[in-house]
């Protein structure tokens, strides 16, 4: 695909990576939470911009499955 075609698709809202798109949406929600509450230390029940930002932040602190052993501790 040429760069021109890719740019045209992006202008229409093409999402190349669903994971990346969701990350950006949650990051925007984290910024909104931070703007209102200052430190980004949200309880797991917190939400911002209709996103469960507290749970997302909690999950972001969890080790990657490939780096954790059966006990859930990093190797």
PDB file of N, CA and C in Angstrom:
ATOM      1  N   UNK A   1       0.851  -1.168   0.000  1.00  0.00           N
ATOM      2  CA  UNK A   1       0.000   0.000   0.000  1.00  0.00           C
ATOM      3  C   UNK A   1       0.901   1.236   0.000  1.00  0.00           C
ATOM      4  N   UNK A   2       0.521   2.191  -0.803  1.00  0.00           N
ATOM      5  CA  UNK A   2       1.307   3.420  -0.862  1.00  0.00           C
ATOM      6  C   UNK A   2       1.006   4.305   0.333  1.00  0.00           C
ATOM      7  N   UNK A   3       1.915   5.221   0.614  1.00  0.00           N
ATOM      8  CA  UNK A   3       1.714   6.166   1.709  1.00  0.00           C
ATOM      9  C   UNK A   3       0.472   7.014   1.496  1.00  0.00           C
ATOM     10  N   UNK A   4       0.191   7.359   0.239  1.00  0.00           N
ATOM     11  CA  UNK A   4      -0.986   8.170  -0.065  1.00  0.00           C
ATOM     12  C   UNK A   4      -2.263   7.423   0.297  1.00  0.00           C
ATOM     13  N   UNK A   5      -2.330   6.163  -0.033  1.00  0.00           N
ATOM     14  CA  UNK A   5      -3.524   5.371   0.298  1.00  0.00           C
ATOM     15  C   UNK A   5      -3.691   5.240   1.810  1.00  0.00           C
ATOM     16  N   UNK A   6      -2.590   5.021   2.483  1.00  0.00           N
ATOM     17  CA  UNK A   6      -2.647   4.898   3.948  1.00  0.00           C
ATOM     18  C   UNK A   6      -3.140   6.207   4.562  1.00  0.00           C
ATOM     19  N   UNK A   7      -2.631   7.329   4.100  1.00  0.00           N
ATOM     20  CA  UNK A   7      -3.071   8.638   4.627  1.00  0.00           C
ATOM     21  C   UNK A   7      -4.558   8.870   4.361  1.00  0.00           C
ATOM     22  N   UNK A   8      -5.019   8.448   3.196  1.00  0.00           N
ATOM     23  CA  UNK A   8      -6.444   8.618   2.870  1.00  0.00           C
ATOM     24  C   UNK A   8      -7.311   7.780   3.814  1.00  0.00           C
ATOM     25  N   UNK A   9      -6.871   6.565   4.084  1.00  0.00           N
ATOM     26  CA  UNK A   9      -7.605   5.722   5.027  1.00  0.00           C
ATOM     27  C   UNK A   9      -7.589   6.325   6.428  1.00  0.00           C
ATOM     28  N   UNK A  10      -6.446   6.860   6.839  1.00  0.00           N
ATOM     29  CA  UNK A  10      -6.346   7.478   8.160  1.00  0.00           C
ATOM     30  C   UNK A  10      -7.268   8.685   8.266  1.00  0.00           C
ATOM     31  N   UNK A  11      -7.429   9.447   7.195  1.00  0.00           N
ATOM     32  CA  UNK A  11      -8.338  10.595   7.196  1.00  0.00           C
ATOM     33  C   UNK A  11      -9.783  10.150   7.394  1.00  0.00           C
ATOM     34  N   UNK A  12     -10.087   8.919   6.986  1.00  0.00           N
ATOM     35  CA  UNK A  12     -11.429   8.371   7.177  1.00  0.00           C
ATOM     36  C   UNK A  12     -11.607   7.728   8.550  1.00  0.00           C
ATOM     37  N   UNK A  13     -10.528   7.700   9.338  1.00  0.00           N
ATOM     38  CA  UNK A  13     -10.607   7.135  10.686  1.00  0.00           C
ATOM     39  C   UNK A  13     -10.136   5.700  10.796  1.00  0.00           C
ATOM     40  N   UNK A  14      -9.341   5.246   9.849  1.00  0.00           N
ATOM     41  CA  UNK A  14      -8.821   3.880   9.878  1.00  0.00           C
ATOM     42  C   UNK A  14      -8.050   3.623  11.167  1.00  0.00           C
ATOM     43  N   UNK A  15      -8.355   2.512  11.814  1.00  0.00           N
ATOM     44  CA  UNK A  15      -7.652   2.095  13.021  1.00  0.00           C
ATOM     45  C   UNK A  15      -6.747   0.932  12.628  1.00  0.00           C
ATOM     46  N   UNK A  16      -5.450   1.157  12.689  1.00  0.00           N
ATOM     47  CA  UNK A  16      -4.488   0.123  12.296  1.00  0.00           C
ATOM     48  C   UNK A  16      -4.267  -0.875  13.420  1.00  0.00           C
ATOM     49  N   UNK A  17      -4.380  -0.432  14.646  1.00  0.00           N
ATOM     50  CA  UNK A  17      -4.144  -1.307  15.797  1.00  0.00           C
ATOM     51  C   UNK A  17      -5.226  -1.050  16.829  1.00  0.00           C
ATOM     52  N   UNK A  18      -6.104  -2.025  17.020  1.00  0.00           N
ATOM     53  CA  UNK A  18      -7.173  -1.871  18.003  1.00  0.00           C
ATOM     54  C   UNK A  18      -6.601  -1.724  19.406  1.00  0.00           C
ATOM     55  N   UNK A  19      -5.535  -2.466  19.699  1.00  0.00           N
ATOM     56  CA  UNK A  19      -4.883  -2.361  21.001  1.00  0.00           C
ATOM     57  C   UNK A  19      -4.341  -0.950  21.211  1.00  0.00           C
ATOM     58  N   UNK A  20      -3.688  -0.417  20.199  1.00  0.00           N
ATOM     59  CA  UNK A  20      -3.151   0.937  20.285  1.00  0.00           C
ATOM     60  C   UNK A  20      -4.245   1.984  20.431  1.00  0.00           C
ATOM     61  N   UNK A  21      -5.346   1.784  19.737  1.00  0.00           N
ATOM     62  CA  UNK A  21      -6.479   2.712  19.821  1.00  0.00           C
ATOM     63  C   UNK A  21      -7.071   2.709  21.227  1.00  0.00           C
ATOM     64  N   UNK A  22      -7.244   1.530  21.783  1.00  0.00           N
ATOM     65  CA  UNK A  22      -7.790   1.436  23.155  1.00  0.00           C
ATOM     66  C   UNK A  22      -6.832   2.054  24.163  1.00  0.00           C
ATOM     67  N   UNK A  23      -5.533   1.840  23.960  1.00  0.00           N
ATOM     68  CA  UNK A  23      -4.556   2.442  24.854  1.00  0.00           C
ATOM     69  C   UNK A  23      -4.675   3.961  24.811  1.00  0.00           C
ATOM     70  N   UNK A  24      -4.788   4.535  23.618  1.00  0.00           N
ATOM     71  CA  UNK A  24      -4.907   5.987  23.485  1.00  0.00           C
ATOM     72  C   UNK A  24      -6.171   6.506  24.165  1.00  0.00           C
ATOM     73  N   UNK A  25      -7.280   5.791  24.018  1.00  0.00           N
ATOM     74  CA  UNK A  25      -8.531   6.191  24.672  1.00  0.00           C
ATOM     75  C   UNK A  25      -8.375   6.178  26.189  1.00  0.00           C
ATOM     76  N   UNK A  26      -7.760   5.136  26.715  1.00  0.00           N
ATOM     77  CA  UNK A  26      -7.555   5.054  28.162  1.00  0.00           C
ATOM     78  C   UNK A  26      -6.550   6.093  28.645  1.00  0.00           C
ATOM     79  N   UNK A  27      -5.545   6.380  27.828  1.00  0.00           N
ATOM     80  CA  UNK A  27      -4.578   7.405  28.187  1.00  0.00           C
ATOM     81  C   UNK A  27      -5.255   8.772  28.275  1.00  0.00           C
ATOM     82  N   UNK A  28      -6.155   9.065  27.353  1.00  0.00           N
ATOM     83  CA  UNK A  28      -6.908  10.322  27.403  1.00  0.00           C
ATOM     84  C   UNK A  28      -7.773  10.387  28.664  1.00  0.00           C
ATOM     85  N   UNK A  29      -8.367   9.264  29.034  1.00  0.00           N
ATOM     86  CA  UNK A  29      -9.163   9.218  30.262  1.00  0.00           C
ATOM     87  C   UNK A  29      -8.268   9.434  31.482  1.00  0.00           C
ATOM     88  N   UNK A  30      -7.061   8.875  31.458  1.00  0.00           N
ATOM     89  CA  UNK A  30      -6.121   9.077  32.566  1.00  0.00           C
ATOM     90  C   UNK A  30      -5.738  10.553  32.670  1.00  0.00           C
ATOM     91  N   UNK A  31      -5.536  11.202  31.535  1.00  0.00           N
ATOM     92  CA  UNK A  31      -5.226  12.640  31.557  1.00  0.00           C
ATOM     93  C   UNK A  31      -6.386  13.442  32.139  1.00  0.00           C
ATOM     94  N   UNK A  32      -7.600  13.075  31.764  1.00  0.00           N
ATOM     95  CA  UNK A  32      -8.780  13.771  32.291  1.00  0.00           C
ATOM     96  C   UNK A  32      -8.879  13.577  33.802  1.00  0.00           C
ATOM     97  N   UNK A  33      -8.629  12.359  34.282  1.00  0.00           N
ATOM     98  CA  UNK A  33      -8.662  12.093  35.717  1.00  0.00           C
ATOM     99  C   UNK A  33      -7.587  12.918  36.422  1.00  0.00           C
ATOM    100  N   UNK A  34      -6.401  12.931  35.864  1.00  0.00           N
ATOM    101  CA  UNK A  34      -5.294  13.681  36.444  1.00  0.00           C
ATOM    102  C   UNK A  34      -5.621  15.171  36.510  1.00  0.00           C
ATOM    103  N   UNK A  35      -6.216  15.718  35.452  1.00  0.00           N
ATOM    104  CA  UNK A  35      -6.574  17.136  35.435  1.00  0.00           C
ATOM    105  C   UNK A  35      -7.551  17.489  36.558  1.00  0.00           C
ATOM    106  N   UNK A  36      -8.414  16.557  36.918  1.00  0.00           N
ATOM    107  CA  UNK A  36      -9.405  16.809  37.967  1.00  0.00           C
ATOM    108  C   UNK A  36      -8.902  16.494  39.369  1.00  0.00           C
ATOM    109  N   UNK A  37      -8.050  15.490  39.492  1.00  0.00           N
ATOM    110  CA  UNK A  37      -7.670  15.000  40.824  1.00  0.00           C
ATOM    111  C   UNK A  37      -6.182  15.125  41.122  1.00  0.00           C
ATOM    112  N   UNK A  38      -5.411  15.602  40.202  1.00  0.00           N
ATOM    113  CA  UNK A  38      -3.973  15.829  40.299  1.00  0.00           C
ATOM    114  C   UNK A  38      -3.169  14.539  40.347  1.00  0.00           C
ATOM    115  N   UNK A  39      -2.822  13.932  41.486  1.00  0.00           N
ATOM    116  CA  UNK A  39      -1.972  12.750  41.335  1.00  0.00           C
ATOM    117  C   UNK A  39      -2.755  11.638  40.640  1.00  0.00           C
ATOM    118  N   UNK A  40      -2.063  10.904  39.819  1.00  0.00           N
ATOM    119  CA  UNK A  40      -2.701   9.803  39.093  1.00  0.00           C
ATOM    120  C   UNK A  40      -2.626   8.539  39.933  1.00  0.00           C
ATOM    121  N   UNK A  41      -3.271   8.628  41.078  1.00  0.00           N
ATOM    122  CA  UNK A  41      -3.324   7.514  42.020  1.00  0.00           C
ATOM    123  C   UNK A  41      -4.800   7.217  42.262  1.00  0.00           C
ATOM    124  N   UNK A  42      -5.432   6.646  41.257  1.00  0.00           N
ATOM    125  CA  UNK A  42      -6.881   6.450  41.283  1.00  0.00           C
ATOM    126  C   UNK A  42      -7.242   5.117  41.923  1.00  0.00           C
ATOM    127  N   UNK A  43      -8.311   5.089  42.720  1.00  0.00           N
ATOM    128  CA  UNK A  43      -8.790   3.799  43.231  1.00  0.00           C
ATOM    129  C   UNK A  43      -9.330   2.972  42.064  1.00  0.00           C
ATOM    130  N   UNK A  44      -9.381   1.672  42.230  1.00  0.00           N
ATOM    131  CA  UNK A  44      -9.836   0.820  41.126  1.00  0.00           C
ATOM    132  C   UNK A  44     -11.264   1.128  40.694  1.00  0.00           C
ATOM    133  N   UNK A  45     -12.051   1.756  41.535  1.00  0.00           N
ATOM    134  CA  UNK A  45     -13.431   2.093  41.186  1.00  0.00           C
ATOM    135  C   UNK A  45     -13.550   3.416  40.423  1.00  0.00           C
ATOM    136  N   UNK A  46     -12.456   4.146  40.254  1.00  0.00           N
ATOM    137  CA  UNK A  46     -12.497   5.465  39.611  1.00  0.00           C
ATOM    138  C   UNK A  46     -12.779   5.345  38.114  1.00  0.00           C
ATOM    139  N   UNK A  47     -13.480   6.365  37.605  1.00  0.00           N
ATOM    140  CA  UNK A  47     -13.721   6.420  36.166  1.00  0.00           C
ATOM    141  C   UNK A  47     -13.569   7.859  35.697  1.00  0.00           C
ATOM    142  N   UNK A  48     -13.270   8.004  34.428  1.00  0.00           N
ATOM    143  CA  UNK A  48     -13.155   9.318  33.800  1.00  0.00           C
ATOM    144  C   UNK A  48     -13.486   9.136  32.324  1.00  0.00           C
ATOM    145  N   UNK A  49     -14.221  10.063  31.790  1.00  0.00           N
ATOM    146  CA  UNK A  49     -14.631  10.028  30.381  1.00  0.00           C
ATOM    147  C   UNK A  49     -15.295   8.674  30.068  1.00  0.00           C
ATOM    148  N   UNK A  50     -16.121   8.212  30.979  1.00  0.00           N
ATOM    149  CA  UNK A  50     -16.829   6.933  30.846  1.00  0.00           C
ATOM    150  C   UNK A  50     -15.908   5.735  30.651  1.00  0.00           C
ATOM    151  N   UNK A  51     -14.700   5.817  31.180  1.00  0.00           N
ATOM    152  CA  UNK A  51     -13.747   4.708  31.124  1.00  0.00           C
ATOM    153  C   UNK A  51     -13.383   4.314  32.551  1.00  0.00           C
ATOM    154  N   UNK A  52     -13.280   3.019  32.842  1.00  0.00           N
ATOM    155  CA  UNK A  52     -12.881   2.571  34.185  1.00  0.00           C
ATOM    156  C   UNK A  52     -11.372   2.761  34.382  1.00  0.00           C
ATOM    157  N   UNK A  53     -10.982   4.004  34.568  1.00  0.00           N
ATOM    158  CA  UNK A  53      -9.561   4.357  34.590  1.00  0.00           C
ATOM    159  C   UNK A  53      -8.818   3.735  35.772  1.00  0.00           C
ATOM    160  N   UNK A  54      -9.471   3.615  36.908  1.00  0.00           N
ATOM    161  CA  UNK A  54      -8.818   3.004  38.063  1.00  0.00           C
ATOM    162  C   UNK A  54      -8.445   1.561  37.799  1.00  0.00           C
ATOM    163  N   UNK A  55      -9.340   0.811  37.190  1.00  0.00           N
ATOM    164  CA  UNK A  55      -9.059  -0.586  36.871  1.00  0.00           C
ATOM    165  C   UNK A  55      -7.976  -0.672  35.802  1.00  0.00           C
ATOM    166  N   UNK A  56      -8.024   0.226  34.818  1.00  0.00           N
ATOM    167  CA  UNK A  56      -7.012   0.224  33.761  1.00  0.00           C
ATOM    168  C   UNK A  56      -5.628   0.490  34.347  1.00  0.00           C
ATOM    169  N   UNK A  57      -5.540   1.462  35.243  1.00  0.00           N
ATOM    170  CA  UNK A  57      -4.247   1.763  35.873  1.00  0.00           C
ATOM    171  C   UNK A  57      -3.759   0.586  36.706  1.00  0.00           C
ATOM    172  N   UNK A  58      -4.683  -0.053  37.426  1.00  0.00           N
ATOM    173  CA  UNK A  58      -4.322  -1.212  38.234  1.00  0.00           C
ATOM    174  C   UNK A  58      -3.801  -2.342  37.339  1.00  0.00           C
ATOM    175  N   UNK A  59      -4.460  -2.575  36.219  1.00  0.00           N
ATOM    176  CA  UNK A  59      -4.025  -3.613  35.291  1.00  0.00           C
ATOM    177  C   UNK A  59      -2.692  -3.249  34.648  1.00  0.00           C
ATOM    178  N   UNK A  60      -2.438  -1.970  34.466  1.00  0.00           N
ATOM    179  CA  UNK A  60      -1.183  -1.531  33.859  1.00  0.00           C
ATOM    180  C   UNK A  60       0.002  -1.825  34.755  1.00  0.00           C
ATOM    181  N   UNK A  61      -0.237  -1.903  36.061  1.00  0.00           N
ATOM    182  CA  UNK A  61       0.833  -2.213  37.008  1.00  0.00           C
ATOM    183  C   UNK A  61       1.118  -3.708  37.098  1.00  0.00           C
ATOM    184  N   UNK A  62       0.219  -4.525  36.568  1.00  0.00           N
ATOM    185  CA  UNK A  62       0.379  -5.970  36.657  1.00  0.00           C
ATOM    186  C   UNK A  62       1.510  -6.430  35.744  1.00  0.00           C
ATOM    187  N   UNK A  63       2.245  -7.462  36.147  1.00  0.00           N
ATOM    188  CA  UNK A  63       3.317  -7.968  35.284  1.00  0.00           C
ATOM    189  C   UNK A  63       2.739  -8.585  34.016  1.00  0.00           C
ATOM    190  N   UNK A  64       3.500  -8.534  32.952  1.00  0.00           N
ATOM    191  CA  UNK A  64       3.102  -9.166  31.698  1.00  0.00           C
ATOM    192  C   UNK A  64       3.026 -10.672  31.920  1.00  0.00           C
ATOM    193  N   UNK A  65       2.062 -11.357  31.293  1.00  0.00           N
ATOM    194  CA  UNK A  65       1.952 -12.814  31.487  1.00  0.00           C
ATOM    195  C   UNK A  65       3.232 -13.556  31.148  1.00  0.00           C
ATOM    196  N   UNK A  66       3.972 -13.101  30.165  1.00  0.00           N
ATOM    197  CA  UNK A  66       5.186 -13.815  29.768  1.00  0.00           C
ATOM    198  C   UNK A  66       6.322 -13.646  30.771  1.00  0.00           C
ATOM    199  N   UNK A  67       6.236 -12.665  31.677  1.00  0.00           N
ATOM    200  CA  UNK A  67       7.303 -12.446  32.635  1.00  0.00           C
ATOM    201  C   UNK A  67       6.931 -12.945  34.035  1.00  0.00           C
ATOM    202  N   UNK A  68       5.750 -13.482  34.192  1.00  0.00           N
ATOM    203  CA  UNK A  68       5.315 -13.967  35.507  1.00  0.00           C
ATOM    204  C   UNK A  68       5.338 -15.483  35.549  1.00  0.00           C
ATOM    205  N   UNK A  69       5.712 -16.017  36.701  1.00  0.00           N
ATOM    206  CA  UNK A  69       5.654 -17.454  36.861  1.00  0.00           C
ATOM    207  C   UNK A  69       4.279 -17.834  37.425  1.00  0.00           C
ATOM    208  N   UNK A  70       4.083 -19.052  37.797  1.00  0.00           N
ATOM    209  CA  UNK A  70       2.763 -19.491  38.248  1.00  0.00           C
ATOM    210  C   UNK A  70       2.280 -18.774  39.505  1.00  0.00           C
ATOM    211  N   UNK A  71       3.177 -18.294  40.327  1.00  0.00           N
ATOM    212  CA  UNK A  71       2.773 -17.614  41.557  1.00  0.00           C
ATOM    213  C   UNK A  71       2.353 -16.169  41.264  1.00  0.00           C
ATOM    214  N   UNK A  72       2.552 -15.706  40.010  1.00  0.00           N
ATOM    215  CA  UNK A  72       2.192 -14.347  39.651  1.00  0.00           C
ATOM    216  C   UNK A  72       3.306 -13.344  39.916  1.00  0.00           C
ATOM    217  N   UNK A  73       4.435 -13.840  40.454  1.00  0.00           N
ATOM    218  CA  UNK A  73       5.553 -12.948  40.732  1.00  0.00           C
ATOM    219  C   UNK A  73       6.473 -12.881  39.524  1.00  0.00           C
ATOM    220  N   UNK A  74       7.072 -11.711  39.266  1.00  0.00           N
ATOM    221  CA  UNK A  74       8.006 -11.631  38.139  1.00  0.00           C
ATOM    222  C   UNK A  74       9.173 -12.577  38.329  1.00  0.00           C
ATOM    223  N   UNK A  75       9.691 -13.077  37.217  1.00  0.00           N
ATOM    224  CA  UNK A  75      10.843 -13.981  37.279  1.00  0.00           C
ATOM    225  C   UNK A  75      12.110 -13.246  37.498  1.00  0.00           C
TER     226      UNK A  75
END
